[in-house]
Amino acid sequence: MRSFLADYGMKESGAERLIRTTYHLLGLISFFTVGEEECRAWTITGGTNAQHAAGAIHTDLQDHFIRAEVCHYADFVKHGSHHALKEKGLLRLEGKEYIVEDGDIMEIRHSG
């Protein structure tokens, strides 16, 4: 697929461009949760704080939110693991009012 696109001087497919443009027009962003067995993307409105973003996963996470351990997708891909991010100081704890950014990877800490 990539070689086909390269032959026409394109970097991404029409579907990828359509999805990116639609997200932008609707004011949507994605954040991720990453575990040993599963990686999920969650869609939220841009400008959403961490506590309300946790509610996109489950209302109990929003109600019992304490903090979120956060890194960015690009940093995760570059360094390869949460352990490496922690060693480099790129993994941080954020509170309820942190505004989630497109591409954040979050581990929600909660009391519930």
Protein backbone atom coordinates (compact mmCIF):
# COMPACT_ATOMS: atom_id res chain seq x y z
CA MET A 1 0.00 0.00 0.00
CA ARG A 2 2.73 2.47 0.95
CA SER A 3 4.66 1.80 -2.27
CA PHE A 4 1.45 2.40 -4.26
CA LEU A 5 0.95 5.75 -2.52
CA ALA A 6 4.62 6.64 -3.01
CA ASP A 7 4.28 5.99 -6.75
CA TYR A 8 1.69 8.79 -6.83
CA GLY A 9 3.62 11.09 -4.50
CA MET A 10 1.16 10.62 -1.63
CA LYS A 11 2.04 10.05 2.03
CA GLU A 12 -1.35 8.87 3.26
CA SER A 13 -4.50 7.35 1.81
CA GLY A 14 -7.70 9.22 1.10
CA ALA A 15 -9.36 7.44 4.03
CA GLU A 16 -6.59 8.61 6.40
CA ARG A 17 -6.95 12.19 5.15
CA LEU A 18 -10.74 12.02 5.49
CA ILE A 19 -10.54 10.75 9.07
CA ARG A 20 -7.91 13.35 10.06
CA THR A 21 -9.94 16.19 8.51
CA THR A 22 -13.21 15.00 10.06
CA TYR A 23 -11.64 14.80 13.53
CA HIS A 24 -10.27 18.30 13.07
CA LEU A 25 -13.62 19.74 11.88
CA LEU A 26 -15.49 18.11 14.77
CA GLY A 27 -12.88 19.21 17.34
CA LEU A 28 -12.04 15.64 18.34
CA ILE A 29 -8.77 14.16 19.59
CA SER A 30 -7.65 10.69 20.63
CA PHE A 31 -5.80 9.46 23.68
CA PHE A 32 -4.59 5.94 24.37
CA THR A 33 -4.53 3.40 27.14
CA VAL A 34 -1.78 0.80 26.87
CA GLY A 35 -1.57 -2.45 28.78
CA GLU A 36 0.35 -5.66 28.35
CA GLU A 37 -2.51 -7.31 26.47
CA GLU A 38 -4.39 -4.41 24.91
CA CYS A 39 -3.94 -0.95 23.44
CA ARG A 40 -7.04 1.22 22.95
CA ALA A 41 -7.71 4.62 21.43
CA TRP A 42 -10.41 6.77 23.02
CA THR A 43 -12.05 9.69 21.23
CA ILE A 44 -12.86 12.85 23.19
CA THR A 45 -13.52 16.50 22.47
CA GLY A 46 -10.39 18.69 22.39
CA GLY A 47 -9.97 20.67 25.62
CA THR A 48 -11.24 17.83 27.84
CA ASN A 49 -9.55 17.51 31.22
CA ALA A 50 -8.05 14.24 32.45
CA GLN A 51 -10.88 13.44 34.87
CA HIS A 52 -13.55 13.75 32.17
CA ALA A 53 -11.37 11.86 29.68
CA ALA A 54 -11.23 9.00 32.19
CA GLY A 55 -15.03 9.00 32.03
CA ALA A 56 -14.82 8.08 28.33
CA ILE A 57 -13.36 4.77 29.52
CA HIS A 58 -15.74 4.20 32.43
CA THR A 59 -17.76 6.46 34.72
CA ASP A 60 -16.18 4.85 37.82
CA LEU A 61 -12.75 6.04 36.62
CA GLN A 62 -14.09 9.59 36.38
CA ASP A 63 -15.86 9.44 39.76
CA HIS A 64 -12.85 7.99 41.61
CA PHE A 65 -10.09 9.72 39.61
CA ILE A 66 -6.88 10.49 41.52
CA ARG A 67 -4.20 11.17 38.89
CA ALA A 68 -3.13 10.10 35.42
CA GLU A 69 0.32 8.89 34.45
CA VAL A 70 0.90 10.53 31.07
CA CYS A 71 3.35 10.36 28.18
CA HIS A 72 3.00 11.23 24.51
CA TYR A 73 2.65 8.65 21.74
CA ALA A 74 5.69 9.96 19.82
CA ASP A 75 7.88 9.59 22.93
CA PHE A 76 6.56 6.07 23.54
CA VAL A 77 7.35 5.03 19.95
CA LYS A 78 10.81 6.62 20.12
CA HIS A 79 11.82 5.01 23.44
CA GLY A 80 9.80 1.79 23.26
CA SER A 81 8.49 1.27 26.79
CA HIS A 82 7.09 2.91 29.91
CA HIS A 83 10.26 1.83 31.74
CA ALA A 84 12.48 3.72 29.26
CA LEU A 85 10.22 6.79 29.45
CA LYS A 86 10.44 6.74 33.25
CA GLU A 87 14.24 6.57 33.09
CA LYS A 88 14.34 9.57 30.72
CA GLY A 89 11.88 11.58 32.83
CA LEU A 90 9.23 11.64 30.10
CA LEU A 91 6.52 9.95 32.16
CA ARG A 92 4.67 12.40 34.37
CA LEU A 93 1.76 12.51 36.82
CA GLU A 94 -1.06 14.90 36.02
CA GLY A 95 -4.08 15.93 38.09
CA LYS A 96 -7.79 16.30 37.36
CA GLU A 97 -7.47 19.60 35.52
CA TYR A 98 -4.75 18.49 33.07
CA ILE A 99 -5.99 19.12 29.51
CA VAL A 100 -5.50 15.92 27.52
CA GLU A 101 -3.53 16.39 24.30
CA ASP A 102 -4.02 14.50 21.06
CA GLY A 103 -1.79 11.42 21.21
CA ASP A 104 -1.38 11.25 24.99
CA ILE A 105 -1.02 7.80 26.53
CA MET A 106 -2.64 7.72 29.96
CA GLU A 107 -2.78 5.26 32.82
CA ILE A 108 -5.59 6.34 35.12
CA ARG A 109 -5.04 6.05 38.87
CA HIS A 110 -8.27 5.80 40.81
CA SER A 111 -9.63 4.83 44.21
CA GLY A 112 -12.63 2.79 43.06
